[in-house]
């Protein structure tokens, strides 16, 4: 887990809310793919880190 994520104190319960508007966020999409791959590989720590990054990702309006 990165220091930035630890400092942010991310909430990892539940699924992150999708970005506002009708455009998909490329960062969120990449993190969701990485999380799925980590889970498929049995890497729960990696999956949790992706969850934290998703929770901390701020979408630009």
C-alpha atoms as a PDB file:
ATOM      1  CA  UNK A   1       0.000   0.000   0.000  1.00  0.00           C
ATOM      2  CA  UNK A   2       1.370   3.383  -0.907  1.00  0.00           C
ATOM      3  CA  UNK A   3       2.027   6.037   1.725  1.00  0.00           C
ATOM      4  CA  UNK A   4      -0.458   8.337   0.002  1.00  0.00           C
ATOM      5  CA  UNK A   5      -3.196   5.735   0.385  1.00  0.00           C
ATOM      6  CA  UNK A   6      -2.325   5.127   4.052  1.00  0.00           C
ATOM      7  CA  UNK A   7      -2.426   8.860   4.801  1.00  0.00           C
ATOM      8  CA  UNK A   8      -5.768   9.256   3.076  1.00  0.00           C
ATOM      9  CA  UNK A   9      -7.440   6.651   5.302  1.00  0.00           C
ATOM     10  CA  UNK A  10      -9.553   5.259   2.473  1.00  0.00           C
ATOM     11  CA  UNK A  11     -12.883   3.609   3.078  1.00  0.00           C
ATOM     12  CA  UNK A  12     -12.904   0.316   1.210  1.00  0.00           C
ATOM     13  CA  UNK A  13     -16.357  -0.959   2.083  1.00  0.00           C
ATOM     14  CA  UNK A  14     -18.755  -1.249  -0.827  1.00  0.00           C
ATOM     15  CA  UNK A  15     -18.315  -0.483  -4.467  1.00  0.00           C
ATOM     16  CA  UNK A  16     -16.979   2.960  -5.391  1.00  0.00           C
ATOM     17  CA  UNK A  17     -19.450   5.356  -6.961  1.00  0.00           C
ATOM     18  CA  UNK A  18     -18.950   5.828 -10.714  1.00  0.00           C
ATOM     19  CA  UNK A  19     -17.855   9.248 -11.941  1.00  0.00           C
ATOM     20  CA  UNK A  20     -20.471  11.924 -12.550  1.00  0.00           C
ATOM     21  CA  UNK A  21     -21.603  12.544 -16.107  1.00  0.00           C
ATOM     22  CA  UNK A  22     -21.973  10.153 -18.983  1.00  0.00           C
ATOM     23  CA  UNK A  23     -18.260   9.599 -19.724  1.00  0.00           C
ATOM     24  CA  UNK A  24     -16.443   6.663 -18.177  1.00  0.00           C
ATOM     25  CA  UNK A  25     -13.273   7.459 -16.253  1.00  0.00           C
ATOM     26  CA  UNK A  26     -10.207   5.758 -17.721  1.00  0.00           C
ATOM     27  CA  UNK A  27      -8.449   5.678 -14.346  1.00  0.00           C
ATOM     28  CA  UNK A  28     -11.412   3.956 -12.700  1.00  0.00           C
ATOM     29  CA  UNK A  29     -11.704   1.475 -15.565  1.00  0.00           C
ATOM     30  CA  UNK A  30      -8.012   0.584 -15.285  1.00  0.00           C
ATOM     31  CA  UNK A  31      -8.246   0.158 -11.514  1.00  0.00           C
ATOM     32  CA  UNK A  32     -11.313  -2.072 -11.862  1.00  0.00           C
ATOM     33  CA  UNK A  33      -9.426  -4.254 -14.379  1.00  0.00           C
ATOM     34  CA  UNK A  34      -6.387  -4.415 -12.084  1.00  0.00           C
ATOM     35  CA  UNK A  35      -8.588  -5.317  -9.118  1.00  0.00           C
ATOM     36  CA  UNK A  36     -10.266  -8.134 -11.068  1.00  0.00           C
ATOM     37  CA  UNK A  37      -6.902  -9.471 -12.231  1.00  0.00           C
ATOM     38  CA  UNK A  38      -5.517  -9.347  -8.692  1.00  0.00           C
ATOM     39  CA  UNK A  39      -8.515 -11.285  -7.384  1.00  0.00           C
ATOM     40  CA  UNK A  40      -8.193 -13.876 -10.170  1.00  0.00           C
ATOM     41  CA  UNK A  41      -4.546 -14.346  -9.177  1.00  0.00           C
ATOM     42  CA  UNK A  42      -5.435 -14.659  -5.485  1.00  0.00           C
ATOM     43  CA  UNK A  43      -3.720 -11.360  -4.642  1.00  0.00           C
ATOM     44  CA  UNK A  44      -6.112  -9.992  -2.023  1.00  0.00           C
ATOM     45  CA  UNK A  45      -3.634  -7.304  -0.912  1.00  0.00           C
ATOM     46  CA  UNK A  46      -3.403  -6.024  -4.483  1.00  0.00           C
ATOM     47  CA  UNK A  47      -7.190  -6.065  -4.806  1.00  0.00           C
ATOM     48  CA  UNK A  48      -7.531  -4.074  -1.556  1.00  0.00           C
ATOM     49  CA  UNK A  49      -5.004  -1.529  -2.789  1.00  0.00           C
ATOM     50  CA  UNK A  50      -7.041  -1.054  -5.964  1.00  0.00           C
ATOM     51  CA  UNK A  51     -10.170  -0.572  -3.816  1.00  0.00           C
ATOM     52  CA  UNK A  52      -8.365   2.110  -1.807  1.00  0.00           C
ATOM     53  CA  UNK A  53      -7.159   3.856  -4.948  1.00  0.00           C
ATOM     54  CA  UNK A  54     -10.706   3.800  -6.339  1.00  0.00           C
ATOM     55  CA  UNK A  55     -12.070   5.251  -3.111  1.00  0.00           C
ATOM     56  CA  UNK A  56      -9.471   8.038  -3.148  1.00  0.00           C
ATOM     57  CA  UNK A  57      -9.722   8.849  -6.864  1.00  0.00           C
ATOM     58  CA  UNK A  58     -11.300  12.258  -7.424  1.00  0.00           C
ATOM     59  CA  UNK A  59     -13.038  12.836 -10.725  1.00  0.00           C
ATOM     60  CA  UNK A  60     -12.520  16.139 -12.469  1.00  0.00           C
ATOM     61  CA  UNK A  61     -15.738  17.877 -13.476  1.00  0.00           C
END
